Amino acid sequence: MSIYSETNAQFILGLTNLSAILEKAAQWAKENGKSEESLLTAALAEDMYPLVRQVQITTDMAKRAVARLGRVEAPVMEDNETTIAQLQARIEATIAFMKGISDAQLDGDDERQIVVMAREHELRFTARNYVYKFATPNFYFHFTTAYDILRQAGVPLGKRDFVGQI
């Protein structure tokens, strides 16, 4: 197994756990008379993205990373989710795409160039640095922020929800 195959596996696990967290949040909202909209629009700070955008970015980071590493095009998603069920469908579609990328496609040259278009400029990485310095930290930043938003809102989440059942 290459680091790229392992990255794919880790992202799939993270997205699976994020899906379970969202399921728990939806159930909690229902049981506590909270609206899904209040959760989806919640943010940790005024200058941060709300939950819905954090989930969208988490899925985007995973699918785009695997696509770049596998030398394929990532599916385009509209970023128009307004319910937890729609976010769940997005996660499911992302996982399905990622599971369709074989280990052989991800096997590659550590020094291969990966170019990412940032807001103002191009970011250039070797494949290895892309995984370690960009894709993985960004994936976990947005996943963690989604978890923290729900935790702050009162959803009873713990470490096991984040890391998954072992």
C-alpha atoms as a PDB file:
ATOM      1  CA  MET A   1       0.000   0.000   0.000  1.00  0.00           C
ATOM      2  CA  SER A   2       1.294   3.430  -0.923  1.00  0.00           C
ATOM      3  CA  ILE A   3       0.853   6.608   1.097  1.00  0.00           C
ATOM      4  CA  TYR A   4      -1.644   7.645  -1.562  1.00  0.00           C
ATOM      5  CA  SER A   5      -3.784   4.529  -1.077  1.00  0.00           C
ATOM      6  CA  GLU A   6      -3.581   5.050   2.662  1.00  0.00           C
ATOM      7  CA  THR A   7      -4.641   8.681   2.229  1.00  0.00           C
ATOM      8  CA  ASN A   8      -7.692   7.525   0.273  1.00  0.00           C
ATOM      9  CA  ALA A   9      -8.539   5.007   3.003  1.00  0.00           C
ATOM     10  CA  GLN A  10      -8.125   7.629   5.751  1.00  0.00           C
ATOM     11  CA  PHE A  11     -10.346  10.110   3.931  1.00  0.00           C
ATOM     12  CA  ILE A  12     -13.029   7.457   3.409  1.00  0.00           C
ATOM     13  CA  LEU A  13     -12.906   6.622   7.124  1.00  0.00           C
ATOM     14  CA  GLY A  14     -13.127  10.315   8.032  1.00  0.00           C
ATOM     15  CA  LEU A  15     -16.092  10.867   5.721  1.00  0.00           C
ATOM     16  CA  THR A  16     -17.810   7.775   7.105  1.00  0.00           C
ATOM     17  CA  ASN A  17     -17.367   9.166  10.621  1.00  0.00           C
ATOM     18  CA  LEU A  18     -18.571  12.614   9.505  1.00  0.00           C
ATOM     19  CA  SER A  19     -21.700  10.971   8.102  1.00  0.00           C
ATOM     20  CA  ALA A  20     -22.335   9.231  11.438  1.00  0.00           C
ATOM     21  CA  ILE A  21     -21.798  12.541  13.259  1.00  0.00           C
ATOM     22  CA  LEU A  22     -24.338  14.264  11.013  1.00  0.00           C
ATOM     23  CA  GLU A  23     -26.810  11.427  11.592  1.00  0.00           C
ATOM     24  CA  LYS A  24     -26.385  11.856  15.335  1.00  0.00           C
ATOM     25  CA  ALA A  25     -26.833  15.629  14.971  1.00  0.00           C
ATOM     26  CA  ALA A  26     -30.059  15.218  12.990  1.00  0.00           C
ATOM     27  CA  GLN A  27     -31.453  12.848  15.620  1.00  0.00           C
ATOM     28  CA  TRP A  28     -30.398  15.184  18.431  1.00  0.00           C
ATOM     29  CA  ALA A  29     -32.033  18.168  16.707  1.00  0.00           C
ATOM     30  CA  LYS A  30     -35.277  16.226  16.286  1.00  0.00           C
ATOM     31  CA  GLU A  31     -35.303  15.064  19.912  1.00  0.00           C
ATOM     32  CA  ASN A  32     -34.515  18.551  21.242  1.00  0.00           C
ATOM     33  CA  GLY A  33     -36.812  20.640  19.080  1.00  0.00           C
ATOM     34  CA  LYS A  34     -33.941  22.255  17.179  1.00  0.00           C
ATOM     35  CA  SER A  35     -34.098  23.015  13.489  1.00  0.00           C
ATOM     36  CA  GLU A  36     -31.618  21.479  11.084  1.00  0.00           C
ATOM     37  CA  GLU A  37     -31.214  24.949   9.606  1.00  0.00           C
ATOM     38  CA  SER A  38     -29.908  26.267  12.930  1.00  0.00           C
ATOM     39  CA  LEU A  39     -27.217  23.577  12.871  1.00  0.00           C
ATOM     40  CA  LEU A  40     -26.376  23.996   9.188  1.00  0.00           C
ATOM     41  CA  THR A  41     -25.922  27.753   9.523  1.00  0.00           C
ATOM     42  CA  ALA A  42     -23.991  27.619  12.813  1.00  0.00           C
ATOM     43  CA  ALA A  43     -20.332  28.671  12.800  1.00  0.00           C
ATOM     44  CA  LEU A  44     -17.612  28.773  15.440  1.00  0.00           C
ATOM     45  CA  ALA A  45     -16.835  32.420  14.776  1.00  0.00           C
ATOM     46  CA  GLU A  46     -18.307  35.201  12.711  1.00  0.00           C
ATOM     47  CA  ASP A  47     -15.493  35.067  10.156  1.00  0.00           C
ATOM     48  CA  MET A  48     -15.665  31.270   9.705  1.00  0.00           C
ATOM     49  CA  TYR A  49     -17.769  29.181   7.356  1.00  0.00           C
ATOM     50  CA  PRO A  50     -20.928  27.561   8.750  1.00  0.00           C
ATOM     51  CA  LEU A  51     -21.420  23.825   9.162  1.00  0.00           C
ATOM     52  CA  VAL A  52     -22.867  23.263   5.693  1.00  0.00           C
ATOM     53  CA  ARG A  53     -19.802  24.817   4.039  1.00  0.00           C
ATOM     54  CA  GLN A  54     -17.392  22.941   6.328  1.00  0.00           C
ATOM     55  CA  VAL A  55     -18.929  19.637   5.190  1.00  0.00           C
ATOM     56  CA  GLN A  56     -18.825  20.698   1.540  1.00  0.00           C
ATOM     57  CA  ILE A  57     -15.144  21.629   1.817  1.00  0.00           C
ATOM     58  CA  THR A  58     -14.326  18.390   3.649  1.00  0.00           C
ATOM     59  CA  THR A  59     -15.800  16.354   0.797  1.00  0.00           C
ATOM     60  CA  ASP A  60     -14.143  18.582  -1.801  1.00  0.00           C
ATOM     61  CA  MET A  61     -10.715  18.201  -0.188  1.00  0.00           C
ATOM     62  CA  ALA A  62     -11.050  14.414  -0.130  1.00  0.00           C
ATOM     63  CA  LYS A  63     -12.360  13.890  -3.659  1.00  0.00           C
ATOM     64  CA  ARG A  64     -10.012  16.425  -5.260  1.00  0.00           C
ATOM     65  CA  ALA A  65      -6.982  15.015  -3.466  1.00  0.00           C
ATOM     66  CA  VAL A  66      -7.748  11.479  -4.554  1.00  0.00           C
ATOM     67  CA  ALA A  67      -8.544  12.652  -8.082  1.00  0.00           C
ATOM     68  CA  ARG A  68      -5.246  14.532  -8.364  1.00  0.00           C
ATOM     69  CA  LEU A  69      -3.290  11.605  -6.980  1.00  0.00           C
ATOM     70  CA  GLY A  70      -5.141   9.158  -9.243  1.00  0.00           C
ATOM     71  CA  ARG A  71      -4.824  11.419 -12.291  1.00  0.00           C
ATOM     72  CA  VAL A  72      -8.593  11.548 -12.886  1.00  0.00           C
ATOM     73  CA  GLU A  73     -11.226  14.264 -12.846  1.00  0.00           C
ATOM     74  CA  ALA A  74     -13.147  14.770  -9.608  1.00  0.00           C
ATOM     75  CA  PRO A  75     -16.927  14.899  -9.827  1.00  0.00           C
ATOM     76  CA  VAL A  76     -18.383  18.401  -9.657  1.00  0.00           C
ATOM     77  CA  MET A  77     -20.903  19.084  -6.917  1.00  0.00           C
ATOM     78  CA  GLU A  78     -23.170  22.115  -6.866  1.00  0.00           C
ATOM     79  CA  ASP A  79     -22.675  23.234  -3.219  1.00  0.00           C
ATOM     80  CA  ASN A  80     -26.424  23.721  -2.872  1.00  0.00           C
ATOM     81  CA  GLU A  81     -27.216  21.461   0.084  1.00  0.00           C
ATOM     82  CA  THR A  82     -29.799  22.823   2.518  1.00  0.00           C
ATOM     83  CA  THR A  83     -30.517  19.733   4.634  1.00  0.00           C
ATOM     84  CA  ILE A  84     -28.530  17.148   6.536  1.00  0.00           C
ATOM     85  CA  ALA A  85     -29.963  14.472   4.211  1.00  0.00           C
ATOM     86  CA  GLN A  86     -28.507  16.333   1.235  1.00  0.00           C
ATOM     87  CA  LEU A  87     -25.118  16.568   2.960  1.00  0.00           C
ATOM     88  CA  GLN A  88     -25.336  12.828   3.642  1.00  0.00           C
ATOM     89  CA  ALA A  89     -25.966  12.206  -0.061  1.00  0.00           C
ATOM     90  CA  ARG A  90     -22.944  14.368  -0.899  1.00  0.00           C
ATOM     91  CA  ILE A  91     -20.746  12.373   1.473  1.00  0.00           C
ATOM     92  CA  GLU A  92     -22.077   9.105   0.059  1.00  0.00           C
ATOM     93  CA  ALA A  93     -21.353  10.222  -3.526  1.00  0.00           C
ATOM     94  CA  THR A  94     -17.848  11.312  -2.529  1.00  0.00           C
ATOM     95  CA  ILE A  95     -17.101   7.988  -0.858  1.00  0.00           C
ATOM     96  CA  ALA A  96     -18.451   6.093  -3.888  1.00  0.00           C
ATOM     97  CA  PHE A  97     -16.162   8.091  -6.180  1.00  0.00           C
ATOM     98  CA  MET A  98     -13.164   7.478  -3.933  1.00  0.00           C
ATOM     99  CA  LYS A  99     -13.869   3.750  -3.659  1.00  0.00           C
ATOM    100  CA  GLY A 100     -13.847   3.635  -7.467  1.00  0.00           C
ATOM    101  CA  ILE A 101     -10.183   4.693  -7.551  1.00  0.00           C
ATOM    102  CA  SER A 102      -7.930   1.644  -7.469  1.00  0.00           C
ATOM    103  CA  ASP A 103      -4.713   1.348  -5.504  1.00  0.00           C
ATOM    104  CA  ALA A 104      -2.908   0.959  -8.850  1.00  0.00           C
ATOM    105  CA  GLN A 105      -4.213   4.364  -9.972  1.00  0.00           C
ATOM    106  CA  LEU A 106      -2.908   5.894  -6.742  1.00  0.00           C
ATOM    107  CA  ASP A 107       0.484   4.235  -6.974  1.00  0.00           C
ATOM    108  CA  GLY A 108       2.811   6.965  -8.068  1.00  0.00           C
ATOM    109  CA  ASP A 109       5.952   8.959  -8.057  1.00  0.00           C
ATOM    110  CA  ASP A 110       6.509  10.923  -4.838  1.00  0.00           C
ATOM    111  CA  GLU A 111       8.165  13.714  -6.805  1.00  0.00           C
ATOM    112  CA  ARG A 112       5.352  14.120  -9.358  1.00  0.00           C
ATOM    113  CA  GLN A 113       4.105  17.711  -9.507  1.00  0.00           C
ATOM    114  CA  ILE A 114       0.655  18.516  -8.128  1.00  0.00           C
ATOM    115  CA  VAL A 115      -0.678  22.000  -8.915  1.00  0.00           C
ATOM    116  CA  VAL A 116      -3.557  23.493  -6.955  1.00  0.00           C
ATOM    117  CA  MET A 117      -5.219  26.738  -7.942  1.00  0.00           C
ATOM    118  CA  ALA A 118      -5.589  28.894  -4.844  1.00  0.00           C
ATOM    119  CA  ARG A 119      -7.582  32.103  -4.721  1.00  0.00           C
ATOM    120  CA  GLU A 120      -4.772  34.348  -5.923  1.00  0.00           C
ATOM    121  CA  HIS A 121      -2.148  31.976  -7.271  1.00  0.00           C
ATOM    122  CA  GLU A 122      -0.978  28.462  -8.036  1.00  0.00           C
ATOM    123  CA  LEU A 123       0.361  26.230  -5.306  1.00  0.00           C
ATOM    124  CA  ARG A 124       2.932  23.686  -6.463  1.00  0.00           C
ATOM    125  CA  PHE A 125       3.771  20.544  -4.543  1.00  0.00           C
ATOM    126  CA  THR A 126       5.421  17.203  -5.013  1.00  0.00           C
ATOM    127  CA  ALA A 127       2.835  14.461  -4.593  1.00  0.00           C
ATOM    128  CA  ARG A 128       4.280  13.562  -1.181  1.00  0.00           C
ATOM    129  CA  ASN A 129       4.233  17.172   0.050  1.00  0.00           C
ATOM    130  CA  TYR A 130       0.746  17.659  -1.349  1.00  0.00           C
ATOM    131  CA  VAL A 131      -0.543  14.813   0.829  1.00  0.00           C
ATOM    132  CA  TYR A 132       1.343  15.798   3.977  1.00  0.00           C
ATOM    133  CA  LYS A 133       1.343  19.589   3.801  1.00  0.00           C
ATOM    134  CA  PHE A 134      -1.915  20.443   2.029  1.00  0.00           C
ATOM    135  CA  ALA A 135      -4.561  17.771   1.447  1.00  0.00           C
ATOM    136  CA  THR A 136      -4.485  15.976   4.803  1.00  0.00           C
ATOM    137  CA  PRO A 137      -4.251  19.089   7.021  1.00  0.00           C
ATOM    138  CA  ASN A 138      -7.042  20.814   5.095  1.00  0.00           C
ATOM    139  CA  PHE A 139      -9.279  17.734   5.203  1.00  0.00           C
ATOM    140  CA  TYR A 140      -8.896  17.387   8.962  1.00  0.00           C
ATOM    141  CA  PHE A 141      -9.217  21.132   9.607  1.00  0.00           C
ATOM    142  CA  HIS A 142     -12.654  21.263   7.981  1.00  0.00           C
ATOM    143  CA  PHE A 143     -13.774  17.897   9.403  1.00  0.00           C
ATOM    144  CA  THR A 144     -12.723  18.999  12.895  1.00  0.00           C
ATOM    145  CA  THR A 145     -14.437  22.356  12.479  1.00  0.00           C
ATOM    146  CA  ALA A 146     -17.691  20.624  11.459  1.00  0.00           C
ATOM    147  CA  TYR A 147     -17.413  18.404  14.560  1.00  0.00           C
ATOM    148  CA  ASP A 148     -16.687  21.426  16.768  1.00  0.00           C
ATOM    149  CA  ILE A 149     -19.657  23.398  15.433  1.00  0.00           C
ATOM    150  CA  LEU A 150     -21.999  20.546  16.320  1.00  0.00           C
ATOM    151  CA  ARG A 151     -20.350  20.024  19.696  1.00  0.00           C
ATOM    152  CA  GLN A 152     -20.680  23.732  20.471  1.00  0.00           C
ATOM    153  CA  ALA A 153     -24.361  23.586  19.456  1.00  0.00           C
ATOM    154  CA  GLY A 154     -24.928  20.920  22.112  1.00  0.00           C
ATOM    155  CA  VAL A 155     -24.868  17.709  20.102  1.00  0.00           C
ATOM    156  CA  PRO A 156     -23.480  15.057  22.472  1.00  0.00           C
ATOM    157  CA  LEU A 157     -20.380  14.042  20.533  1.00  0.00           C
ATOM    158  CA  GLY A 158     -17.151  12.585  21.819  1.00  0.00           C
ATOM    159  CA  LYS A 159     -13.802  11.358  20.612  1.00  0.00           C
ATOM    160  CA  ARG A 160     -15.266   8.010  19.531  1.00  0.00           C
ATOM    161  CA  ASP A 161     -17.617   9.838  17.161  1.00  0.00           C
ATOM    162  CA  PHE A 162     -14.663  11.598  15.561  1.00  0.00           C
ATOM    163  CA  VAL A 163     -12.311   8.616  15.255  1.00  0.00           C
ATOM    164  CA  GLY A 164     -15.034   6.019  14.736  1.00  0.00           C
ATOM    165  CA  GLN A 165     -15.774   2.824  16.562  1.00  0.00           C
ATOM    166  CA  ILE A 166     -12.675   0.704  17.002  1.00  0.00           C
END
